[in-house]
Amino acid sequence: MHLSPSENHRYQASLLPLPMAYRGGDVGAWQTALRSQLRELIGLPQVESATIAQTLWRQEHELGNIEKLILTGETNADIPAYFCTPRNATPPYPVMICLQGHSTGMHNSVGLDRETETHAIVVEGDRDFALGALRRGFAALCIEQRSLGTRRELLQEHTSSNSCHDAAMRALMLGRTLQGERVFDVARGINYLEQRDDVDLQRLGIMGNSGGGTTAIYAAALIDRIQFAMPSCAFCTYAGSSMQIYHCSCHYIPGILQYAEYADVLGLFAPKPIVIVSGRDDEISPLTDVRQSFLALQRIYRAAGAPEQCRLVVGDGGHRFYEKAGWAALQPLITN
């Protein structure tokens, strides 16, 4: 007897021909077609107006300066963020967008406690992304992702212990996805950066771990203004991750497997520099499947004439970021 729904779903997935997966030929034409399809599947919201920033506070840090902002997103969807500038560098700065996954929020990126935002904390797994950027002369924009950190559900009396579940399900009712809404917020953040004169948007990157890495991948695929990317513990195959292992509901894109695999999604970023960071013992993005997907991504980058721009870093551990190894692989790709 076969009673578990997963048995049928995995079987159905194995039959799908993935008609928009890259099979060779003109990379640019293929990217145009798949990008259009992905925009439709992900339900990317339309921009309503210009991004307006309200400054809540500023404070000095040993590595530079941190400013807390509220950015206008959609109606009733404000975007908390930190903007950080390095002390030992000269503007215009290269800038990294930093995205936390399913953690207590963006405060981890700057290494401050969430409640008072005044006391330094130790952030495990190298997830203090903005501090890593500041140490290397980068500015950083840390965005609080929808349904995570301070943007978790606060009004509804009864909600899932999974902070993304309600929002992800309601987004589907609206013909959207929570993932698409998160990509929209990244685009709004870039709109804010375009208003500043102290950042170099020709050196604009994006990074994140786990759910932050997932948003980094879809944003890189869909937002042309992003110039390099470093997703961590997010890239895999759909077959080996979403269809095999429990994931948060925000991870799923309706109908994507009727068209392409995860390598094809990230292949939309070719030929721009990409460093994929994985953990040898990551149970959520198994390394065997990561390597399989990376081989497919490499084929796209070779076809785009940029095989050297696509790298995989494997840390000796689990589901976390590996700062030294990741940056060591990325910086040679983006240094003029």
Protein backbone atom coordinates (compact mmCIF):
# COMPACT_ATOMS: atom_id res chain seq x y z
CA MET A 1 0.00 0.00 0.00
CA HIS A 2 1.06 3.55 -0.74
CA LEU A 3 -0.68 5.91 1.65
CA SER A 4 1.66 8.85 2.17
CA PRO A 5 0.93 11.85 -0.10
CA SER A 6 4.68 12.38 -0.53
CA GLU A 7 4.98 9.11 -2.42
CA ASN A 8 2.62 10.29 -5.13
CA HIS A 9 4.04 13.81 -5.28
CA ARG A 10 7.59 12.58 -5.71
CA TYR A 11 6.46 10.16 -8.41
CA GLN A 12 4.58 12.91 -10.25
CA ALA A 13 7.63 15.16 -10.04
CA SER A 14 9.81 12.46 -11.57
CA LEU A 15 7.58 12.41 -14.66
CA LEU A 16 7.74 16.14 -15.39
CA PRO A 17 9.77 17.00 -18.53
CA LEU A 18 10.88 20.49 -17.31
CA PRO A 19 10.32 22.05 -20.75
CA MET A 20 11.99 25.37 -19.86
CA ALA A 21 15.14 23.86 -18.31
CA TYR A 22 18.28 24.94 -20.15
CA ARG A 23 19.17 22.35 -22.82
CA GLY A 24 21.67 24.40 -24.79
CA GLY A 25 21.54 27.18 -27.36
CA ASP A 26 21.20 30.94 -26.92
CA VAL A 27 21.41 31.63 -23.18
CA GLY A 28 20.00 35.15 -23.47
CA ALA A 29 16.86 34.07 -25.32
CA TRP A 30 16.32 31.21 -22.87
CA GLN A 31 16.72 33.58 -19.90
CA THR A 32 14.19 36.02 -21.30
CA ALA A 33 11.56 33.31 -21.68
CA LEU A 34 12.10 31.64 -18.30
CA ARG A 35 12.38 34.95 -16.42
CA SER A 36 8.99 36.01 -17.76
CA GLN A 37 7.49 32.68 -16.68
CA LEU A 38 9.10 32.89 -13.23
CA ARG A 39 7.73 36.39 -12.66
CA GLU A 40 4.25 35.04 -13.32
CA LEU A 41 4.68 31.99 -11.09
CA ILE A 42 6.16 33.91 -8.18
CA GLY A 43 3.43 36.56 -8.32
CA LEU A 44 5.78 39.52 -8.06
CA PRO A 45 3.82 42.61 -6.86
CA GLN A 46 3.89 45.80 -8.88
CA VAL A 47 5.71 48.87 -7.55
CA GLU A 48 3.22 51.37 -6.16
CA SER A 49 5.35 54.48 -5.61
CA ALA A 50 8.83 55.74 -4.80
CA THR A 51 10.60 54.32 -1.75
CA ILE A 52 10.59 56.77 1.16
CA ALA A 53 12.94 56.24 4.11
CA GLN A 54 12.28 57.33 7.68
CA THR A 55 15.31 57.33 9.98
CA LEU A 56 14.58 56.01 13.49
CA TRP A 57 18.08 56.29 14.95
CA ARG A 58 21.79 56.35 14.20
CA GLN A 59 24.66 54.94 16.23
CA GLU A 60 28.37 54.43 15.90
CA HIS A 61 29.93 50.99 15.79
CA GLU A 62 33.56 50.00 16.00
CA LEU A 63 33.36 48.99 12.33
CA GLY A 64 31.43 52.05 11.12
CA ASN A 65 27.95 53.49 11.50
CA ILE A 66 24.50 51.91 11.72
CA GLU A 67 21.26 53.66 10.83
CA LYS A 68 17.84 52.12 11.46
CA LEU A 69 15.22 52.87 8.81
CA ILE A 70 11.62 52.23 7.93
CA LEU A 71 11.22 51.97 4.16
CA THR A 72 7.88 52.29 2.43
CA GLY A 73 6.89 49.03 0.83
CA GLU A 74 3.32 48.30 -0.16
CA THR A 75 0.31 49.71 1.68
CA ASN A 76 0.34 48.24 5.20
CA ALA A 77 3.69 46.53 4.57
CA ASP A 78 6.48 48.73 5.93
CA ILE A 79 10.06 47.46 5.67
CA PRO A 80 12.38 47.80 8.70
CA ALA A 81 16.04 47.92 7.70
CA TYR A 82 19.52 48.83 8.88
CA PHE A 83 21.88 50.74 6.63
CA CYS A 84 25.53 50.42 7.62
CA THR A 85 28.62 52.22 6.34
CA PRO A 86 32.23 51.11 6.95
CA ARG A 87 34.68 53.16 9.00
CA ASN A 88 37.86 52.28 7.14
CA ALA A 89 36.76 52.88 3.55
CA THR A 90 36.00 55.79 1.25
CA PRO A 91 32.66 56.31 -0.53
CA PRO A 92 31.13 55.45 -2.86
CA TYR A 93 31.09 52.05 -1.14
CA PRO A 94 30.30 48.69 -2.66
CA VAL A 95 27.13 47.51 -0.96
CA MET A 96 25.74 44.16 0.14
CA ILE A 97 22.06 43.46 0.80
CA CYS A 98 21.89 41.12 3.82
CA LEU A 99 18.97 38.79 4.49
CA GLN A 100 18.41 36.64 7.57
CA GLY A 101 16.49 33.39 7.32
CA HIS A 102 14.28 31.83 9.99
CA SER A 103 16.03 33.47 12.91
CA THR A 104 15.00 36.16 15.39
CA GLY A 105 15.52 38.76 12.69
CA MET A 106 17.72 41.29 10.96
CA HIS A 107 19.32 42.38 14.25
CA ASN A 108 21.59 39.35 13.87
CA SER A 109 23.12 40.89 10.75
CA VAL A 110 24.47 43.80 12.81
CA GLY A 111 25.20 41.78 15.96
CA LEU A 112 22.85 43.70 18.27
CA ASP A 113 20.20 42.43 20.68
CA ARG A 114 16.70 42.64 19.23
CA GLU A 115 14.91 44.40 22.08
CA THR A 116 17.13 47.43 22.82
CA GLU A 117 19.45 47.32 19.78
CA THR A 118 22.25 48.67 21.97
CA HIS A 119 24.07 45.60 23.30
CA ALA A 120 26.43 43.55 21.17
CA ILE A 121 25.57 39.85 20.92
CA VAL A 122 27.42 36.80 19.69
CA VAL A 123 25.77 35.56 16.49
CA GLU A 124 26.31 31.89 15.76
CA GLY A 125 27.10 30.50 12.34
CA ASP A 126 28.71 33.69 10.94
CA ARG A 127 25.23 35.14 10.44
CA ASP A 128 26.33 38.68 11.38
CA PHE A 129 26.42 39.40 7.65
CA ALA A 130 26.63 43.20 7.84
CA LEU A 131 29.63 43.09 10.15
CA GLY A 132 31.41 40.80 7.71
CA ALA A 133 30.65 43.29 4.95
CA LEU A 134 31.87 46.26 7.02
CA ARG A 135 35.12 44.48 7.80
CA ARG A 136 35.75 44.34 4.05
CA GLY A 137 34.88 47.97 3.27
CA PHE A 138 31.32 47.29 2.09
CA ALA A 139 28.20 49.17 3.07
CA ALA A 140 25.29 46.91 4.02
CA LEU A 141 21.52 47.15 3.76
CA CYS A 142 19.89 44.65 6.14
CA ILE A 143 16.22 44.05 5.30
CA GLU A 144 13.74 42.45 7.70
CA GLN A 145 12.01 39.79 5.63
CA ARG A 146 8.23 39.46 5.66
CA SER A 147 6.94 37.08 8.39
CA LEU A 148 10.35 36.94 10.07
CA GLY A 149 11.82 38.83 13.04
CA THR A 150 9.82 41.97 13.85
CA ARG A 151 7.59 41.32 10.80
CA ARG A 152 6.13 38.08 12.18
CA GLU A 153 2.33 37.99 12.62
CA LEU A 154 1.41 40.31 15.52
CA LEU A 155 -2.32 41.01 15.13
CA GLN A 156 -3.92 37.61 14.64
CA GLU A 157 -4.86 35.90 17.90
CA HIS A 158 -4.21 32.33 16.73
CA THR A 159 -1.39 31.69 14.31
CA SER A 160 0.93 28.89 13.30
CA SER A 161 4.15 28.29 15.19
CA ASN A 162 5.72 28.57 11.74
CA SER A 163 5.85 32.35 11.35
CA CYS A 164 5.55 32.19 7.56
CA HIS A 165 2.58 29.83 7.21
CA ASP A 166 -0.38 32.22 7.41
CA ALA A 167 1.24 34.83 5.18
CA ALA A 168 2.33 32.25 2.62
CA MET A 169 -1.15 30.73 2.39
CA ARG A 170 -2.90 34.10 2.12
CA ALA A 171 -0.48 35.26 -0.55
CA LEU A 172 -1.56 32.23 -2.61
CA MET A 173 -5.18 33.32 -2.27
CA LEU A 174 -4.18 36.65 -3.82
CA GLY A 175 -2.35 35.06 -6.75
CA ARG A 176 0.98 35.84 -5.12
CA THR A 177 3.67 34.05 -3.14
CA LEU A 178 5.38 35.16 0.05
CA GLN A 179 8.66 34.62 -1.79
CA GLY A 180 7.60 37.06 -4.48
CA GLU A 181 6.68 39.62 -1.83
CA ARG A 182 10.14 39.25 -0.31
CA VAL A 183 11.76 39.84 -3.69
CA PHE A 184 9.58 42.93 -4.04
CA ASP A 185 10.94 44.23 -0.71
CA VAL A 186 14.50 43.73 -1.96
CA ALA A 187 13.63 45.81 -5.03
CA ARG A 188 12.25 48.52 -2.74
CA GLY A 189 15.49 48.46 -0.79
CA ILE A 190 17.48 48.93 -3.99
CA ASN A 191 15.24 51.88 -4.87
CA TYR A 192 16.33 53.43 -1.56
CA LEU A 193 20.00 52.80 -2.32
CA GLU A 194 19.58 54.57 -5.66
CA GLN A 195 18.71 57.74 -3.75
CA ARG A 196 22.05 57.75 -1.89
CA ASP A 197 25.29 59.21 -3.24
CA ASP A 198 27.64 57.19 -1.01
CA VAL A 199 27.14 53.75 -2.59
CA ASP A 200 28.35 52.28 -5.87
CA LEU A 201 25.41 50.46 -7.47
CA GLN A 202 27.72 48.92 -10.05
CA ARG A 203 29.05 46.92 -7.08
CA LEU A 204 25.73 45.87 -5.56
CA GLY A 205 25.45 42.36 -4.15
CA ILE A 206 23.04 40.23 -2.16
CA MET A 207 23.57 37.49 0.41
CA GLY A 208 21.68 35.50 3.02
CA ASN A 209 21.49 32.16 4.74
CA SER A 210 18.71 29.57 4.49
CA GLY A 211 15.48 31.51 3.87
CA GLY A 212 17.62 34.59 3.32
CA GLY A 213 19.66 32.70 0.76
CA THR A 214 16.47 31.59 -0.98
CA THR A 215 15.31 35.20 -1.36
CA ALA A 216 18.80 36.14 -2.56
CA ILE A 217 18.52 33.53 -5.33
CA TYR A 218 15.10 34.63 -6.57
CA ALA A 219 16.05 38.30 -6.30
CA ALA A 220 19.24 37.70 -8.28
CA ALA A 221 17.19 35.89 -10.94
CA LEU A 222 14.60 38.65 -11.27
CA ILE A 223 16.25 42.00 -10.37
CA ASP A 224 18.72 43.10 -13.02
CA ARG A 225 20.30 45.76 -10.77
CA ILE A 226 21.96 43.09 -8.58
CA GLN A 227 25.53 42.54 -9.77
CA PHE A 228 26.78 39.63 -7.62
CA ALA A 229 25.31 37.16 -5.16
CA MET A 230 26.34 34.85 -2.32
CA PRO A 231 23.42 32.65 -1.18
CA SER A 232 24.15 30.24 1.66
CA CYS A 233 22.51 26.91 2.52
CA ALA A 234 19.65 27.51 0.09
CA PHE A 235 20.71 26.30 -3.36
CA CYS A 236 19.91 22.67 -4.10
CA THR A 237 17.57 20.77 -6.40
CA TYR A 238 13.82 21.03 -5.91
CA ALA A 239 13.67 17.25 -6.19
CA GLY A 240 16.21 16.74 -3.43
CA SER A 241 15.01 19.47 -1.07
CA SER A 242 11.46 20.80 -1.44
CA MET A 243 10.08 17.47 -2.65
CA GLN A 244 11.98 15.33 -0.13
CA ILE A 245 12.45 17.30 3.09
CA TYR A 246 10.18 19.36 5.32
CA HIS A 247 10.48 23.04 4.44
CA CYS A 248 8.71 26.19 5.53
CA SER A 249 5.69 27.03 3.35
CA CYS A 250 7.42 30.21 2.15
CA HIS A 251 9.81 28.00 0.18
CA TYR A 252 7.27 26.76 -2.37
CA ILE A 253 6.49 28.31 -5.77
CA PRO A 254 3.27 26.93 -7.31
CA GLY A 255 3.84 25.18 -10.62
CA ILE A 256 7.61 25.77 -10.84
CA LEU A 257 8.35 22.09 -11.51
CA GLN A 258 6.14 22.20 -14.58
CA TYR A 259 8.86 24.36 -16.14
CA ALA A 260 12.35 24.16 -14.66
CA GLU A 261 14.64 23.18 -11.80
CA TYR A 262 16.41 25.33 -9.23
CA ALA A 263 19.65 25.51 -11.25
CA ASP A 264 17.67 27.07 -14.08
CA VAL A 265 16.29 29.75 -11.75
CA LEU A 266 19.78 30.75 -10.63
CA GLY A 267 20.98 30.37 -14.20
CA LEU A 268 18.97 33.51 -14.94
CA PHE A 269 21.76 35.37 -13.12
CA ALA A 270 24.48 34.26 -15.58
CA PRO A 271 27.04 35.55 -16.41
CA LYS A 272 27.25 37.63 -13.21
CA PRO A 273 29.44 36.45 -10.30
CA ILE A 274 27.81 33.91 -7.99
CA VAL A 275 29.30 32.13 -4.99
CA ILE A 276 27.15 29.36 -3.54
CA VAL A 277 27.95 28.51 0.07
CA SER A 278 26.91 25.11 1.44
CA GLY A 279 27.54 23.01 4.51
CA ARG A 280 28.98 19.53 4.22
CA ASP A 281 26.52 18.27 6.85
CA ASP A 282 23.51 20.43 5.94
CA GLU A 283 20.45 18.17 6.25
CA ILE A 284 18.09 20.74 4.68
CA SER A 285 20.10 21.22 1.48
CA PRO A 286 21.90 17.86 1.11
CA LEU A 287 25.35 18.26 -0.40
CA THR A 288 24.89 15.48 -2.98
CA ASP A 289 21.91 17.35 -4.43
CA VAL A 290 23.69 20.69 -4.13
CA ARG A 291 26.55 19.35 -6.23
CA GLN A 292 24.14 17.95 -8.81
CA SER A 293 22.42 21.31 -9.12
CA PHE A 294 25.74 23.13 -9.25
CA LEU A 295 26.84 21.01 -12.22
CA ALA A 296 23.69 22.10 -14.07
CA LEU A 297 24.38 25.73 -13.14
CA GLN A 298 27.96 25.43 -14.37
CA ARG A 299 26.68 24.28 -17.77
CA ILE A 300 24.63 27.47 -18.05
CA TYR A 301 27.58 29.63 -17.03
CA ARG A 302 29.84 27.90 -19.56
CA ALA A 303 27.24 28.51 -22.27
CA ALA A 304 27.13 32.17 -21.18
CA GLY A 305 30.92 32.38 -21.59
CA ALA A 306 31.64 32.88 -17.88
CA PRO A 307 32.54 29.54 -16.25
CA GLU A 308 34.95 31.25 -13.84
CA GLN A 309 32.14 33.43 -12.43
CA CYS A 310 30.31 30.49 -10.81
CA ARG A 311 31.80 28.94 -7.66
CA LEU A 312 30.77 26.52 -4.91
CA VAL A 313 32.17 26.74 -1.38
CA VAL A 314 31.57 23.86 1.04
CA GLY A 315 32.03 24.54 4.74
CA ASP A 316 32.93 21.83 7.21
CA GLY A 317 29.67 21.88 9.15
CA GLY A 318 25.92 22.24 8.86
CA HIS A 319 23.20 24.76 8.01
CA ARG A 320 25.04 28.05 8.50
CA PHE A 321 27.15 30.64 6.70
CA TYR A 322 30.93 30.27 6.32
CA GLU A 323 32.19 33.85 6.27
CA LYS A 324 35.91 33.50 5.55
CA ALA A 325 35.50 30.88 2.82
CA GLY A 326 32.55 32.63 1.20
CA TRP A 327 34.15 36.07 1.02
CA ALA A 328 37.49 34.59 -0.05
CA ALA A 329 35.76 33.07 -3.08
CA LEU A 330 33.65 36.13 -3.87
CA GLN A 331 36.12 39.00 -3.62
CA PRO A 332 38.39 37.93 -6.50
CA LEU A 333 35.32 37.77 -8.75
CA ILE A 334 34.21 41.34 -8.02
CA THR A 335 37.54 43.15 -7.67
CA ASN A 336 38.29 45.31 -10.68
